[in-house]
Protein backbone atom coordinates (compact mmCIF):
# COMPACT_ATOMS: atom_id res chain seq x y z
CA MET A 1 62.80 199.69 112.74
CA TYR A 2 62.68 195.57 112.68
CA VAL A 3 61.27 193.94 109.26
CA LEU A 4 60.29 190.24 109.34
CA GLN A 5 60.36 189.15 105.94
CA MET A 6 57.60 187.00 104.76
CA GLU A 7 58.96 183.16 104.72
CA LEU A 8 57.85 179.93 105.94
CA LEU A 9 59.01 179.21 109.67
CA ALA A 10 57.96 175.96 110.02
CA ASP A 11 60.21 175.09 107.16
CA HIS A 12 58.96 171.13 106.89
CA ALA A 13 60.84 170.31 103.24
CA HIS A 14 64.01 171.53 104.69
CA PRO A 15 66.57 168.32 104.99
CA LEU A 16 66.93 168.45 108.65
CA VAL A 17 63.73 168.69 109.61
CA LYS A 18 62.82 165.98 107.06
CA ASP A 19 65.49 163.69 108.17
CA THR A 20 65.06 163.96 111.72
CA ALA A 21 60.86 163.51 111.73
CA ILE A 22 61.55 160.35 109.62
CA ARG A 23 64.31 159.36 112.14
CA LEU A 24 62.29 159.70 115.16
CA THR A 25 59.16 158.28 114.00
CA GLN A 26 60.50 155.29 111.11
CA ALA A 27 59.92 152.68 113.72
CA GLU A 28 56.14 153.68 114.69
CA THR A 29 53.44 152.29 112.26
CA THR A 30 50.62 154.68 113.93
CA LEU A 31 49.81 158.54 113.64
CA ARG A 32 49.62 158.14 117.57
CA GLY A 33 53.01 156.54 117.89
CA LYS A 34 54.47 159.09 115.87
CA LEU A 35 53.32 162.25 117.43
CA GLU A 36 54.74 160.55 120.77
CA GLN A 37 58.39 160.68 119.09
CA LEU A 38 57.77 163.86 117.97
CA PHE A 39 56.36 165.40 121.00
CA LEU A 40 59.52 163.95 122.93
CA PHE A 41 61.90 165.13 121.07
CA VAL A 42 60.49 168.56 121.11
CA ARG A 43 59.83 168.75 124.74
CA ASP A 44 63.46 167.18 125.98
CA ASP A 45 65.93 167.22 123.23
CA ILE A 46 65.15 171.09 122.47
CA GLN A 47 65.24 172.65 126.26
CA PHE A 48 63.42 175.72 126.80
CA ALA A 49 65.47 178.85 126.43
CA PHE A 50 65.10 182.44 124.73
CA PRO A 51 66.79 182.43 121.58
CA ASP A 52 68.12 185.85 120.26
CA GLY A 53 65.80 186.04 117.20
CA GLY A 54 62.71 186.02 119.48
CA ASP A 55 59.57 184.04 117.75
CA PHE A 56 61.05 184.52 114.15
CA VAL A 57 63.46 181.41 114.35
CA LYS A 58 62.64 179.07 112.02
CA ALA A 59 62.33 175.03 112.65
CA SER A 60 65.25 173.88 111.41
CA ASP A 61 67.39 176.62 113.22
CA THR A 62 65.60 175.77 116.26
CA ILE A 63 67.11 172.14 115.74
CA ARG A 64 70.24 173.46 115.23
CA LEU A 65 70.71 175.50 118.33
CA GLY A 66 68.79 172.74 120.61
CA TYR A 67 66.89 175.43 122.33
CA GLY A 68 63.56 177.22 121.77
CA GLN A 69 60.49 178.77 123.71
CA CYS A 70 56.53 178.16 123.26
CA ASN A 71 56.54 179.83 119.55
CA THR A 72 59.64 178.30 118.37
CA LYS A 73 59.50 174.86 119.34
CA ALA A 74 55.55 174.90 118.64
CA THR A 75 56.75 175.77 114.97
CA LEU A 76 59.03 172.69 115.03
CA LEU A 77 56.77 170.63 115.87
CA LEU A 78 54.38 171.87 113.49
CA ALA A 79 56.96 171.70 110.60
CA PHE A 80 57.84 167.73 112.17
CA CYS A 81 54.38 166.77 111.73
CA LYS A 82 53.53 168.33 108.38
CA ALA A 83 57.09 166.63 107.23
CA VAL A 84 55.46 163.12 107.88
CA GLY A 85 52.03 163.89 106.83
CA ILE A 86 50.20 164.11 110.59
CA PRO A 87 47.36 167.36 110.06
CA ALA A 88 48.44 169.67 112.45
CA ARG A 89 48.24 173.59 112.61
CA ILE A 90 49.47 176.26 115.24
CA HIS A 91 46.80 178.24 117.41
CA PHE A 92 47.94 181.66 118.10
CA SER A 93 46.47 183.46 121.30
CA LEU A 94 47.41 186.09 123.98
CA ILE A 95 48.90 185.16 127.08
CA THR A 96 49.41 187.25 130.61
CA LYS A 97 53.11 188.56 130.62
CA ASN A 98 52.91 186.82 134.26
CA ILE A 99 54.36 183.47 132.57
CA GLN A 100 57.64 185.30 132.49
CA ARG A 101 57.56 186.07 135.76
CA GLY A 102 60.56 184.60 137.52
CA PHE A 103 62.97 184.65 134.63
CA PHE A 104 61.65 187.82 133.22
CA THR A 105 62.81 190.38 135.97
CA GLY A 106 63.64 193.94 136.50
CA ILE A 107 63.43 196.13 133.57
CA ALA A 108 63.56 193.21 131.03
CA TYR A 109 59.70 192.15 132.67
CA TRP A 110 58.73 195.86 132.71
CA LEU A 111 59.36 196.12 128.99
CA ILE A 112 56.98 193.07 128.41
CA PRO A 113 53.92 194.19 127.02
CA LYS A 114 50.77 192.99 129.60
CA GLU A 115 49.64 190.32 127.05
CA ILE A 116 51.93 188.28 124.18
CA SER A 117 51.36 186.30 121.79
CA HIS A 118 51.39 182.71 122.39
CA SER A 119 50.99 179.50 120.47
CA TRP A 120 50.42 175.98 121.02
CA ILE A 121 49.64 172.82 118.54
CA GLU A 122 46.58 171.38 117.28
CA VAL A 123 46.50 167.80 115.66
CA LYS A 124 43.90 165.82 113.62
CA VAL A 125 43.52 162.47 115.27
CA GLU A 126 40.73 160.30 114.70
CA GLY A 127 38.52 163.14 112.85
CA THR A 128 38.99 165.54 116.08
CA TRP A 129 41.66 168.91 116.54
CA ARG A 130 43.58 167.92 119.86
CA ARG A 131 45.08 170.97 121.75
CA ILE A 132 48.66 169.87 122.82
CA ASP A 133 51.12 172.48 124.59
CA THR A 134 52.92 170.06 127.29
CA PHE A 135 56.16 170.41 125.04
CA ILE A 136 57.01 173.73 126.08
CA ASN A 137 58.88 173.14 128.82
CA ASP A 138 61.96 170.17 129.15
CA LEU A 139 60.64 168.00 131.77
CA PRO A 140 63.28 168.32 134.28
CA LEU A 141 62.81 172.23 134.10
CA PHE A 142 58.83 172.26 134.03
CA THR A 143 59.33 169.63 137.28
CA ALA A 144 61.62 172.78 138.98
CA ALA A 145 59.15 175.46 137.86
CA LYS A 146 56.05 174.03 138.90
CA ALA A 147 57.37 173.26 142.44
CA LYS A 148 59.02 176.92 142.18
CA ILE A 149 55.43 178.58 141.80
CA ILE A 150 54.00 176.78 144.37
CA ARG A 151 56.48 177.08 146.92
CA CYS A 152 56.21 180.92 145.84
CA GLY A 153 52.72 181.08 146.29
CA TRP A 154 51.80 182.10 142.67
CA SER A 155 49.74 180.41 140.12
CA VAL A 156 51.59 181.65 136.65
CA GLY A 157 55.35 181.94 136.58
CA TYR A 158 58.23 180.58 135.11
CA SER A 159 56.98 179.52 132.18
CA VAL A 160 54.03 177.38 133.69
CA ALA A 161 50.52 178.07 134.77
CA LEU A 162 48.48 175.97 137.07
CA LYS A 163 44.83 175.43 136.76
CA ASP A 164 43.29 174.20 139.67
CA GLY A 165 46.93 173.99 141.16
CA ASP A 166 48.16 171.70 138.53
CA ALA A 167 49.48 171.47 135.15
CA SER A 168 51.27 169.03 133.23
CA ALA A 169 54.33 167.81 131.14
CA ASP A 170 52.85 164.65 129.74
CA PHE A 171 52.11 163.54 126.07
CA ASP A 172 47.93 162.87 126.08
CA LEU A 173 45.81 163.48 123.57
CA ASP A 174 42.43 161.75 124.86
CA HIS A 175 42.92 164.24 128.72
CA GLU A 176 43.62 167.66 127.35
CA ALA A 177 46.10 168.66 130.10
CA PHE A 178 48.16 171.68 129.73
CA GLN A 179 51.45 173.90 130.76
CA GLN A 180 50.21 177.17 130.05
CA MET A 181 46.75 177.41 128.68
CA ALA A 182 45.63 178.71 132.43
CA ALA A 183 47.10 181.78 131.37
CA VAL A 184 45.49 182.56 128.22
CA THR A 185 43.18 185.72 127.90
CA ASP A 186 42.28 185.64 123.68
CA ASP A 187 42.01 183.69 120.96
CA HIS A 188 43.79 184.37 117.48
CA GLY A 189 42.92 181.54 115.93
CA THR A 190 44.48 178.72 113.72
CA TRP A 191 47.30 179.03 111.55
CA ASP A 192 48.89 177.45 108.49
CA ASP A 193 52.19 178.80 109.34
CA PRO A 194 53.75 181.67 112.61
CA SER A 195 55.11 183.41 109.42
CA ALA A 196 51.33 184.95 108.55
CA TYR A 197 50.65 185.13 112.13
CA TYR A 198 53.36 187.68 112.79
CA GLU A 199 52.74 189.66 110.06
CA SER A 200 49.18 190.57 111.24
CA ALA A 201 47.91 193.54 112.70
CA LYS A 202 46.97 190.59 115.81
CA TYR A 203 50.60 189.92 116.65
CA LYS A 204 51.88 191.84 119.57
CA ASN A 205 55.81 190.34 120.29
CA ARG A 206 57.12 192.82 117.18
CA PRO A 207 59.50 194.33 119.05
CA ASP A 208 60.76 198.15 118.51
CA GLY A 209 64.75 199.20 117.91
CA ILE A 210 64.62 199.86 121.66
CA ARG A 211 63.10 196.96 123.25
CA MET A 212 65.26 194.45 120.63
CA TRP A 213 68.10 196.05 121.80
CA PHE A 214 67.64 195.13 125.31
CA TYR A 215 66.35 191.66 124.93
CA ARG A 216 69.18 190.96 123.14
CA HIS A 217 71.45 192.64 125.26
CA MET A 218 69.67 190.79 128.79
CA ILE A 219 68.77 187.57 127.21
CA GLY A 220 72.11 185.58 128.25
CA GLY A 221 71.09 186.73 131.83
CA ILE A 222 67.23 184.97 131.38
CA ASN A 223 68.50 182.10 129.94
CA ARG A 224 71.23 181.88 132.96
CA ARG A 225 68.10 182.38 135.45
CA VAL A 226 66.43 179.43 133.19
CA GLU A 227 68.99 177.29 133.85
CA ARG A 228 69.74 177.91 137.61
CA LEU A 229 66.19 177.22 138.24
CA ARG A 230 67.12 173.94 138.84
CA HIS A 231 69.13 175.05 141.44
CA GLU A 232 67.17 177.74 143.27
CA ASN A 233 65.14 177.53 146.19
CA ASN A 234 64.19 181.27 146.57
CA CYS A 235 61.28 183.17 145.13
CA VAL A 236 62.57 185.84 142.92
CA SER A 237 60.79 189.65 142.24
CA ASP A 238 59.28 190.24 139.14
CA THR A 239 59.76 194.01 140.17
């Protein structure tokens, strides 16, 4: 049985996290400016890909890896904000498995639950909590993925969900636009650290032994599919 040991995943006091956050924001004098620099690093310097550890990756380890998916990149942005004193929290939900369509295919797609646990970040700016999920896909991947799902005639897939035919990778606190929010199906509320949510009964991505075995054996191929997206022109079946 897979057992998650309770510890802070948004390890904002870790020297690598704290030093990186300070370096990224040291030239900025406003909260918005600091947040934008952190956002851009998480969006583009941490490329979108699936880590072997699934969701259970510390922020410091995501920096070392240089890649992550929605939940691990959200954990890193949360840790960065905490490291430089920006009020932030992580918001969990369920999202339709279709968000992984095209990257996960065949048995890998079949093994995904109908709905999976998903997160984004909320930051308090000028007294208002604002939602951000446009850091999930690095800009080159987002641009390719958006074009691909439109060509395929989909509204959801390749880690992007279109609302009214559009999605965004921009940093814009005043006009909310999103990459995946259109595929969210349920609300699991806000949490101070992902570890508490992952130990709760609400968490749906906890793998059993068989699923974890398949995940770890197939993740290399899935990540190669992510990388190839920028060069592909044909739709991939999800069956």
